[in-house]
Amino acid sequence: MRWLVGAVVAAVGLQAVDADAAADLRFGASKILLLFEDSGGVSDDVAKADRPVAANGPDGRSVQLVVDVIVEGEPNAEFQDPPTLYATARTRPEGAVLFEKAWPIRSIGNFGTAMRSFIVDHGCAGLEVTARIEEAGQVIDTWSKTVDITCGP
């Protein structure tokens, strides 16, 4: 039976890896994008902004953000005991939780990444997004971004 499992894993292009590969996971180029309710379009990555971001403008009006959290690792890796990705979005400066979720990372894709996304209302205020990867209670990597948003003229 063991050879059958190995053949199936090889056939789909995934490789079972040990705990050391999970320890090599890290955050990639994660993004935060304005979601425009007028058009359904998204902005460029506002996580890179070093000043307040205008949510209303020529591209439309935004009341929500799309957050793409990207984890990098060994391409095609599959974890028997998957590490967990935790993500939280909080208002600034109050710290009220707007979103909180944990996802198991069961595999890494062909290009060496796995992505988990979520949408959060920004309320025309500052927002802090934090994420961490844990395995067996140990933090492997962390990521944090703060975005200041304005909706005024």
C-alpha atoms as a PDB file:
ATOM      1  CA  MET A   1       0.000   0.000   0.000  1.00  0.00           C
ATOM      2  CA  ARG A   2       2.894   2.362   0.727  1.00  0.00           C
ATOM      3  CA  TRP A   3       4.091   2.163  -2.889  1.00  0.00           C
ATOM      4  CA  LEU A   4       0.587   3.146  -4.045  1.00  0.00           C
ATOM      5  CA  VAL A   5       0.647   6.348  -1.991  1.00  0.00           C
ATOM      6  CA  GLY A   6       4.101   7.186  -3.379  1.00  0.00           C
ATOM      7  CA  ALA A   7       2.915   6.565  -6.927  1.00  0.00           C
ATOM      8  CA  VAL A   8      -0.130   8.801  -6.475  1.00  0.00           C
ATOM      9  CA  VAL A   9       1.965  11.621  -4.975  1.00  0.00           C
ATOM     10  CA  ALA A  10       4.477  11.347  -7.833  1.00  0.00           C
ATOM     11  CA  ALA A  11       1.677  11.302 -10.409  1.00  0.00           C
ATOM     12  CA  VAL A  12       0.202  14.595  -9.247  1.00  0.00           C
ATOM     13  CA  GLY A  13       3.601  16.262  -8.991  1.00  0.00           C
ATOM     14  CA  LEU A  14       3.566  16.819  -5.231  1.00  0.00           C
ATOM     15  CA  GLN A  15       6.257  15.628  -2.903  1.00  0.00           C
ATOM     16  CA  ALA A  16       5.724  14.783   0.717  1.00  0.00           C
ATOM     17  CA  VAL A  17       8.262  16.637   2.829  1.00  0.00           C
ATOM     18  CA  ASP A  18       9.350  16.505   6.430  1.00  0.00           C
ATOM     19  CA  ALA A  19       9.085  19.155   9.131  1.00  0.00           C
ATOM     20  CA  ASP A  20      12.336  20.813   8.057  1.00  0.00           C
ATOM     21  CA  ALA A  21      10.666  22.002   4.838  1.00  0.00           C
ATOM     22  CA  ALA A  22       7.878  23.638   6.839  1.00  0.00           C
ATOM     23  CA  ALA A  23      10.545  25.495   8.820  1.00  0.00           C
ATOM     24  CA  ASP A  24      11.730  26.972   5.490  1.00  0.00           C
ATOM     25  CA  LEU A  25       8.362  28.646   4.841  1.00  0.00           C
ATOM     26  CA  ARG A  26       8.401  32.445   4.733  1.00  0.00           C
ATOM     27  CA  PHE A  27       6.164  35.299   3.667  1.00  0.00           C
ATOM     28  CA  GLY A  28       6.445  36.433   0.078  1.00  0.00           C
ATOM     29  CA  ALA A  29       5.228  39.585  -1.639  1.00  0.00           C
ATOM     30  CA  SER A  30       1.890  39.838   0.175  1.00  0.00           C
ATOM     31  CA  LYS A  31      -0.447  42.586  -1.028  1.00  0.00           C
ATOM     32  CA  ILE A  32      -3.223  44.876   0.158  1.00  0.00           C
ATOM     33  CA  LEU A  33      -5.506  46.292  -2.557  1.00  0.00           C
ATOM     34  CA  LEU A  34      -8.428  48.732  -2.503  1.00  0.00           C
ATOM     35  CA  LEU A  35     -11.572  47.069  -3.858  1.00  0.00           C
ATOM     36  CA  PHE A  36     -13.642  49.601  -5.844  1.00  0.00           C
ATOM     37  CA  GLU A  37     -17.361  49.061  -5.367  1.00  0.00           C
ATOM     38  CA  ASP A  38     -18.262  51.075  -8.485  1.00  0.00           C
ATOM     39  CA  SER A  39     -16.350  48.899 -10.933  1.00  0.00           C
ATOM     40  CA  GLY A  40     -15.317  45.792  -9.003  1.00  0.00           C
ATOM     41  CA  GLY A  41     -11.729  46.630  -9.902  1.00  0.00           C
ATOM     42  CA  VAL A  42      -8.764  46.784  -7.552  1.00  0.00           C
ATOM     43  CA  SER A  43      -5.994  49.303  -6.981  1.00  0.00           C
ATOM     44  CA  ASP A  44      -2.266  48.827  -7.074  1.00  0.00           C
ATOM     45  CA  ASP A  45      -0.704  47.434  -3.895  1.00  0.00           C
ATOM     46  CA  VAL A  46      -1.352  49.979  -1.116  1.00  0.00           C
ATOM     47  CA  ALA A  47       0.784  48.032   1.381  1.00  0.00           C
ATOM     48  CA  LYS A  48       3.749  49.803  -0.212  1.00  0.00           C
ATOM     49  CA  ALA A  49       2.304  53.285   0.444  1.00  0.00           C
ATOM     50  CA  ASP A  50       4.285  55.502   2.807  1.00  0.00           C
ATOM     51  CA  ARG A  51       1.468  58.057   3.240  1.00  0.00           C
ATOM     52  CA  PRO A  52      -2.341  57.941   3.642  1.00  0.00           C
ATOM     53  CA  VAL A  53      -4.177  56.281   0.752  1.00  0.00           C
ATOM     54  CA  ALA A  54      -7.247  58.018  -0.743  1.00  0.00           C
ATOM     55  CA  ALA A  55     -10.087  55.503  -0.989  1.00  0.00           C
ATOM     56  CA  ASN A  56     -12.156  57.742  -3.271  1.00  0.00           C
ATOM     57  CA  GLY A  57     -10.747  58.956  -6.544  1.00  0.00           C
ATOM     58  CA  PRO A  58     -10.762  58.647 -10.311  1.00  0.00           C
ATOM     59  CA  ASP A  59     -10.716  54.838 -10.130  1.00  0.00           C
ATOM     60  CA  GLY A  60     -13.878  54.718  -8.021  1.00  0.00           C
ATOM     61  CA  ARG A  61     -15.000  54.493  -4.423  1.00  0.00           C
ATOM     62  CA  SER A  62     -13.626  51.914  -1.992  1.00  0.00           C
ATOM     63  CA  VAL A  63     -14.994  50.697   1.330  1.00  0.00           C
ATOM     64  CA  GLN A  64     -13.119  47.377   1.370  1.00  0.00           C
ATOM     65  CA  LEU A  65      -9.629  45.959   1.032  1.00  0.00           C
ATOM     66  CA  VAL A  66      -8.503  42.695  -0.550  1.00  0.00           C
ATOM     67  CA  VAL A  67      -5.584  41.184   1.375  1.00  0.00           C
ATOM     68  CA  ASP A  68      -3.476  38.535  -0.393  1.00  0.00           C
ATOM     69  CA  VAL A  69      -1.167  36.778   2.070  1.00  0.00           C
ATOM     70  CA  ILE A  70       1.527  34.883   0.163  1.00  0.00           C
ATOM     71  CA  VAL A  71       3.616  32.099   1.679  1.00  0.00           C
ATOM     72  CA  GLU A  72       6.754  30.893  -0.108  1.00  0.00           C
ATOM     73  CA  GLY A  73       8.441  27.524   0.198  1.00  0.00           C
ATOM     74  CA  GLU A  74       9.739  24.516  -1.698  1.00  0.00           C
ATOM     75  CA  PRO A  75       7.762  24.130  -4.959  1.00  0.00           C
ATOM     76  CA  ASN A  76       5.259  21.254  -4.957  1.00  0.00           C
ATOM     77  CA  ALA A  77       5.815  20.490  -1.265  1.00  0.00           C
ATOM     78  CA  GLU A  78       3.016  18.704   0.571  1.00  0.00           C
ATOM     79  CA  PHE A  79       2.949  18.635   4.386  1.00  0.00           C
ATOM     80  CA  GLN A  80       1.833  15.589   6.356  1.00  0.00           C
ATOM     81  CA  ASP A  81       1.398  17.784   9.465  1.00  0.00           C
ATOM     82  CA  PRO A  82       0.573  21.121   7.862  1.00  0.00           C
ATOM     83  CA  PRO A  83       1.802  24.368   9.385  1.00  0.00           C
ATOM     84  CA  THR A  84      -0.868  26.989  10.072  1.00  0.00           C
ATOM     85  CA  LEU A  85      -1.184  30.502   8.673  1.00  0.00           C
ATOM     86  CA  TYR A  86      -2.913  32.965  11.016  1.00  0.00           C
ATOM     87  CA  ALA A  87      -4.118  36.373   9.759  1.00  0.00           C
ATOM     88  CA  THR A  88      -5.704  39.268  11.643  1.00  0.00           C
ATOM     89  CA  ALA A  89      -6.887  42.710  10.525  1.00  0.00           C
ATOM     90  CA  ARG A  90      -7.427  45.407  13.187  1.00  0.00           C
ATOM     91  CA  THR A  91      -8.531  49.013  13.164  1.00  0.00           C
ATOM     92  CA  ARG A  92      -5.953  51.639  13.991  1.00  0.00           C
ATOM     93  CA  PRO A  93      -5.397  52.994  16.543  1.00  0.00           C
ATOM     94  CA  GLU A  94      -8.215  51.280  18.497  1.00  0.00           C
ATOM     95  CA  GLY A  95      -7.192  47.705  17.715  1.00  0.00           C
ATOM     96  CA  ALA A  96     -10.708  46.320  17.173  1.00  0.00           C
ATOM     97  CA  VAL A  97     -10.558  42.999  15.317  1.00  0.00           C
ATOM     98  CA  LEU A  98     -12.191  43.180  11.868  1.00  0.00           C
ATOM     99  CA  PHE A  99     -11.013  39.804  10.586  1.00  0.00           C
ATOM    100  CA  GLU A 100      -9.291  36.799  12.100  1.00  0.00           C
ATOM    101  CA  LYS A 101      -8.721  33.367  10.557  1.00  0.00           C
ATOM    102  CA  ALA A 102      -6.390  30.367  10.581  1.00  0.00           C
ATOM    103  CA  TRP A 103      -5.693  28.193   7.535  1.00  0.00           C
ATOM    104  CA  PRO A 104      -3.664  24.990   7.328  1.00  0.00           C
ATOM    105  CA  ILE A 105      -1.005  25.180   4.613  1.00  0.00           C
ATOM    106  CA  ARG A 106      -1.238  21.662   3.216  1.00  0.00           C
ATOM    107  CA  SER A 107       0.889  22.272   0.138  1.00  0.00           C
ATOM    108  CA  ILE A 108       2.977  24.769  -1.800  1.00  0.00           C
ATOM    109  CA  GLY A 109       2.196  25.215  -5.508  1.00  0.00           C
ATOM    110  CA  ASN A 110       4.282  24.699  -8.637  1.00  0.00           C
ATOM    111  CA  PHE A 111       5.770  28.192  -8.433  1.00  0.00           C
ATOM    112  CA  GLY A 112       6.807  27.903  -4.781  1.00  0.00           C
ATOM    113  CA  THR A 113       3.866  29.822  -3.322  1.00  0.00           C
ATOM    114  CA  ALA A 114       0.558  29.371  -1.537  1.00  0.00           C
ATOM    115  CA  MET A 115      -1.887  32.264  -1.215  1.00  0.00           C
ATOM    116  CA  ARG A 116      -4.775  32.919   1.140  1.00  0.00           C
ATOM    117  CA  SER A 117      -6.966  35.976   0.556  1.00  0.00           C
ATOM    118  CA  PHE A 118      -9.656  37.816   2.447  1.00  0.00           C
ATOM    119  CA  ILE A 119     -11.771  40.959   2.126  1.00  0.00           C
ATOM    120  CA  VAL A 120     -12.163  43.414   4.995  1.00  0.00           C
ATOM    121  CA  ASP A 121     -14.121  46.679   5.397  1.00  0.00           C
ATOM    122  CA  HIS A 122     -11.695  49.539   6.025  1.00  0.00           C
ATOM    123  CA  GLY A 123     -14.178  52.136   7.298  1.00  0.00           C
ATOM    124  CA  CYS A 124     -12.079  54.998   5.894  1.00  0.00           C
ATOM    125  CA  ALA A 125      -9.582  54.567   8.707  1.00  0.00           C
ATOM    126  CA  GLY A 126      -6.230  53.048   9.443  1.00  0.00           C
ATOM    127  CA  LEU A 127      -5.822  49.302   9.372  1.00  0.00           C
ATOM    128  CA  GLU A 128      -3.109  46.920  10.543  1.00  0.00           C
ATOM    129  CA  VAL A 129      -2.825  43.444   9.032  1.00  0.00           C
ATOM    130  CA  THR A 130      -0.654  40.868  10.774  1.00  0.00           C
ATOM    131  CA  ALA A 131       0.089  37.281   9.847  1.00  0.00           C
ATOM    132  CA  ARG A 132       2.213  34.464  11.193  1.00  0.00           C
ATOM    133  CA  ILE A 133       3.118  30.935  10.172  1.00  0.00           C
ATOM    134  CA  GLU A 134       3.242  28.386  12.988  1.00  0.00           C
ATOM    135  CA  GLU A 135       4.249  24.760  13.160  1.00  0.00           C
ATOM    136  CA  ALA A 136       3.867  22.691  16.332  1.00  0.00           C
ATOM    137  CA  GLY A 137       3.355  25.884  18.367  1.00  0.00           C
ATOM    138  CA  GLN A 138       6.543  27.525  17.067  1.00  0.00           C
ATOM    139  CA  VAL A 139       6.383  30.749  15.038  1.00  0.00           C
ATOM    140  CA  ILE A 140       8.249  30.273  11.736  1.00  0.00           C
ATOM    141  CA  ASP A 141       7.736  33.741  10.212  1.00  0.00           C
ATOM    142  CA  THR A 142       5.674  36.919  10.704  1.00  0.00           C
ATOM    143  CA  TRP A 143       4.372  39.673   8.407  1.00  0.00           C
ATOM    144  CA  SER A 144       2.765  42.984   9.311  1.00  0.00           C
ATOM    145  CA  LYS A 145       1.554  45.982   7.305  1.00  0.00           C
ATOM    146  CA  THR A 146      -0.184  49.178   8.326  1.00  0.00           C
ATOM    147  CA  VAL A 147      -2.254  51.170   5.829  1.00  0.00           C
ATOM    148  CA  ASP A 148      -3.710  54.605   6.572  1.00  0.00           C
ATOM    149  CA  ILE A 149      -6.825  55.297   4.530  1.00  0.00           C
ATOM    150  CA  THR A 150      -8.746  58.532   3.988  1.00  0.00           C
ATOM    151  CA  CYS A 151     -12.115  58.989   2.310  1.00  0.00           C
ATOM    152  CA  GLY A 152     -12.291  62.779   2.341  1.00  0.00           C
ATOM    153  CA  PRO A 153     -12.121  65.057  -0.677  1.00  0.00           C
END
